[in-house]
Amino acid sequence: MEFRYEPLKGLNNFRLLKLEAGRATDPLKITLFPSSISDCLNRYAALSYTWGDPNSRVKISCDGFLFHITSNLHSALTKLRLPDLGLMLWVDAICINQNDLEERAIQVALMSQIYRGAYLVVVDLGEAGDEHNDVSEIFNALQDVVKTTAANEQIQPDDYPRYGLPPLEDKKWERWVEFLLRPWFGRVWVIQEYAFAKALNMSYGDTDLHGESILGMVTGICQRGFPPMTHYGNVGYAKRHAANYHLGAMTGMLSARRDVQAGRSRGLLCYLRYLSSFCDATDKRDLVYALLNLATESERSALKVSYSDSVANVYLRTTQLLIQQGQGIDVLYEAAGWENVDELPSWTPDWSRDRSLESLGWLFVRSSNVLGDKPRGGRWAPNEEPRIFRAAGRTRGRVRVTGDGRLLQTRGIHADDIEAVTEPYNHGKDIPPFQRLESIHAFSLAGRVMIHNLKKLLRYFPGEGDFNALWRTLVADVANDEDGDLKRPASPDLADSFAALTKLFEATPDGTTKYIKQSYFERLLRESAPFVQACEQQIGKRRLCITRRGFIGLAPGWASKGDNICVVLGAAVPFVTRKSQNGNDMLIGECYVHGLMDGEALDMVLDEEDVFEQDIILE
């Protein structure tokens, strides 16, 4: 007979399970106990794992009745079971009635208390394969690197033998990447599971790893300029890219834990921007709900967990709350209406889409990086830090939700219209390096062709011509200095770097080096690297454009001829909008327009008869 849940009584009640003692070959038996969290503090361990294939299920006994769990969970519980002593555990898939949406919502809101109440969080990373010994060796060697070097010390491949690290081409690095690709590192739920844990142990096959050690080591290596950490041997570029996403998730976990330990919150929008970029969830509503316990108290009170809501409605309610809190302009930087999930207004961010590309509006002059250990330009800056761009000057904007909650009203300036666009740049960082160079060169070449065709239309600025206007637009006129801080305008040295990229492909017309000396080829590669790096930070999924008034810019990949360039009052960057059938505007996304990033649109109101401040209604 199948097991049936008894409803929980009380909003702070939950269930614990007792994993009955048994030998390795014995069937799993558990017993469920309803209780209150306050009565069970430090009396149970919480299990953190990946659910795995929902169709691969195993039968166990729960209170003497039949109960189905996934194979992954069965494996984790089998490893945890003791031969002569029962073990008290909290396991989400069993202790929460997953088919009761109301109970599920209540229990999700209690997650922070549940993990805080456990004496230990046990992470099961799954079974270890043949790579186990190689991963342990690299893990220990990397820990030694962190212990014996300064945080800003750059570790080069020639230094590897001194630290006991294998050479670049060694297959051990492939196995290390496979370890980083374990699904647990990319789950959004594990962020709060780690953040609120008193202590955390990771089970990797038969080996136990200290959770603080491995995440601290990964973060320490990233601080030491170890970008090759996932770029070894014959690892495919797609795998390298995915592994780097997991590295980003790990640094986010550590940052969230430090916030919890310090008793602070950066606010829901900040966590959504950064953490959901690197993580995923089977239920896309959980990209919000799994981070809600990290938010401020007022945000947690105002945004109720509900699994009766659609994904679109959860994202809409979240955005409405953020706008009510005065973060309306910041929300718009994250919105990309043309690729939103169905039924989502264009001004509402879709937290399930790939947002690995940095938002232009969120670029700061100096700000704390993800770990808060050194001032950097980037995503985690506090709002009082000066932004790189000031398209609306020092104006203040007002954004409010109107109508039935699906319209957004603000004020701004219709500054220009798009006259022409190139094809969008759709190549990610998960392709071979030289192919990335080819893609960037081809993208810049398309821009040159567009400029040539509309040369009479293009307006220049003092000391600029086609070449300078193009390369500055390709990097959004920003680049990191030697200390990692963002600088604007970008260094003129990037002009030489851009020229080196052009020379590189002029010298290799057939994609080979047979017409060029190897030493010259390698020199051009080195010289073009700074521009390529700066360019890759900005062009992903964007397209070059020229406007009716002769400005060149970087627009969203969904922008097209005839779209409007609008400067919203209070905004750091312009936005591309498009007229809807209802006469309102649809938000296509933020953009960079060379010559309109420092309040020039405000001057146009005075100088141009057809430019004026007006209400903007987004749907």
Foldseek 3Di string as FASTA:
>chain_A
DADDDDDAPDLQKWKKKKFDAADLPDATEIEIDIDGLVVCFQPAEEEAEDQPDPVAWDWGHYVNHTDIGHPRVRVVSSVVHHHHDIHIYDYVVPGFPPVPQVRNLSVLLCVLSNQLRHQEYEYELDAADPLVVLLVQVLVLLLVVLVPDDLQAADDQVCQVVSVHDHQQDCSLVSNLVSLLRQSLFALLVLSSLQRHPFYWYCYRPDIDGPCSRLVSLVSCVSHVPLCSNVGHPHALVSSVLSVLSSQLSLLSVLLNVCVVVVHALAQVLCLLRNLLSHDDPQQLCSRSSCLVRHDPVSSVQQGGGPVDHLQVSQLSSLQVCLVVVCQQVQQLQFAQVPADPPHFRSGHRSRDNPPFFRQQQWFQWAQPSNSPGIATDRSGRPVTHHPFALQAPFAKHWHADDPSRKIKIKWKQQFFFAFWDQAQADASSHDPVVLLVSVVVQLVSVVVVCVVCVVQADDDPPDDPLVLSLQQLLLCWAADPVNYIDGNDDPLQSQLVVLSVVLCVQVVPVDNPSDDPVSNVVSVVSNVRSSVSNNSHRHQWIWTATRNRWIWIAHSPDGGGWTWIDTGNTQFIWTWDQDPVRAIGTNHTMRTVPSGNNVLVVCCVVPPPMHMDMHMGD
